[in-house]
Amino acid sequence: MVEEFLDDDTGYLTWTRRHPRGFVLNCARNPGDDYLVLHHADCYTIGDGPAHSRSWTTSYQKVCANSEAELQEWARSRTGGTASRCGACWT
């Protein structure tokens, strides 16, 4: 099941804690195919305190699921694009 988080840091951070082996798609508030980044839920770039002293889900939207395939399908259906993998957590 895909869950979207917009303006909901508490819900997003709760989801990542409950699904440490899940996946997170980071995208713009109004997603386009130009910025779709796929992370592991425990990636330090999307979960170690607020990003640059801001909210995680205000400037960007987080889309979460237990499988990469679900998020790639979400990206295709919403934007026509494919998510690229984060260089920090997919190495």
Protein backbone atom coordinates (compact mmCIF):
# COMPACT_ATOMS: atom_id res chain seq x y z
CA MET A 1 0.00 0.00 0.00
CA VAL A 2 1.31 3.44 -0.96
CA GLU A 3 1.02 6.25 1.58
CA GLU A 4 1.56 9.92 0.73
CA PHE A 5 2.78 12.46 3.27
CA LEU A 6 2.37 16.18 2.65
CA ASP A 7 2.57 18.65 5.54
CA ASP A 8 2.70 15.68 7.93
CA ASP A 9 6.20 15.15 9.36
CA THR A 10 4.89 13.20 12.34
CA GLY A 11 3.04 10.73 10.14
CA TYR A 12 6.00 10.40 7.78
CA LEU A 13 8.57 9.82 10.52
CA THR A 14 6.24 7.35 12.24
CA TRP A 15 5.89 5.43 8.97
CA THR A 16 9.68 5.22 8.46
CA ARG A 17 10.18 3.99 12.04
CA ARG A 18 7.49 1.32 11.60
CA HIS A 19 8.78 0.25 8.16
CA PRO A 20 12.60 0.38 8.38
CA ARG A 21 12.90 -1.97 5.38
CA GLY A 22 10.42 0.07 3.34
CA PHE A 23 11.02 2.65 0.62
CA VAL A 24 10.46 6.40 0.30
CA LEU A 25 10.00 8.40 -2.87
CA ASN A 26 11.00 12.03 -2.43
CA CYS A 27 9.32 14.35 -4.90
CA ALA A 28 8.02 17.89 -5.29
CA ARG A 29 4.75 18.94 -3.70
CA ASN A 30 3.31 18.80 -7.21
CA PRO A 31 5.33 15.87 -8.57
CA GLY A 32 6.80 15.92 -12.03
CA ASP A 33 9.12 13.55 -13.83
CA ASP A 34 12.08 15.89 -13.27
CA TYR A 35 12.58 15.06 -9.56
CA LEU A 36 11.77 11.58 -8.29
CA VAL A 37 14.32 10.09 -5.89
CA LEU A 38 13.89 6.65 -4.34
CA HIS A 39 15.37 5.99 -0.89
CA HIS A 40 15.45 3.16 1.61
CA ALA A 41 13.29 4.19 4.58
CA ASP A 42 16.32 4.25 6.87
CA CYS A 43 18.39 6.52 4.59
CA TYR A 44 20.08 9.21 6.66
CA THR A 45 19.39 11.85 3.98
CA ILE A 46 15.63 11.71 4.56
CA GLY A 47 15.28 10.95 8.25
CA ASP A 48 18.00 12.30 10.53
CA GLY A 49 16.30 15.38 11.93
CA PRO A 50 14.61 18.07 9.87
CA ALA A 51 16.18 18.79 6.52
CA HIS A 52 18.18 22.00 6.82
CA SER A 53 16.09 23.03 9.86
CA ARG A 54 12.88 22.73 7.83
CA SER A 55 10.08 20.25 7.65
CA TRP A 56 10.47 16.98 5.73
CA THR A 57 7.03 17.18 4.13
CA THR A 58 6.42 20.88 3.55
CA SER A 59 8.66 21.73 0.61
CA TYR A 60 8.65 18.15 -0.67
CA GLN A 61 6.22 15.26 -0.58
CA LYS A 62 7.18 11.82 0.70
CA VAL A 63 5.51 8.79 -0.83
CA CYS A 64 6.10 5.55 1.08
CA ALA A 65 5.57 1.85 0.39
CA ASN A 66 6.98 -1.52 1.33
CA SER A 67 8.25 -2.20 -2.20
CA GLU A 68 10.23 -0.33 -4.82
CA ALA A 69 7.82 -1.59 -7.50
CA GLU A 70 4.84 0.12 -5.84
CA LEU A 71 6.65 3.45 -5.83
CA GLN A 72 7.88 3.10 -9.40
CA GLU A 73 4.29 2.43 -10.46
CA TRP A 74 3.12 5.47 -8.48
CA ALA A 75 5.77 7.60 -10.22
CA ARG A 76 4.78 6.33 -13.67
CA SER A 77 1.07 6.80 -13.10
CA ARG A 78 1.41 10.28 -11.56
CA THR A 79 4.23 11.76 -13.62
CA GLY A 80 5.03 9.45 -16.51
CA GLY A 81 8.55 9.23 -15.10
CA THR A 82 10.78 6.75 -13.34
CA ALA A 83 12.41 7.36 -9.97
CA SER A 84 16.18 7.36 -9.73
CA ARG A 85 17.86 5.71 -6.77
CA CYS A 86 19.51 7.78 -4.04
CA GLY A 87 23.30 7.72 -4.31
CA ALA A 88 23.70 7.55 -0.52
CA CYS A 89 21.57 4.53 0.33
CA TRP A 90 21.66 2.44 -2.86
CA THR A 91 25.46 2.09 -3.07
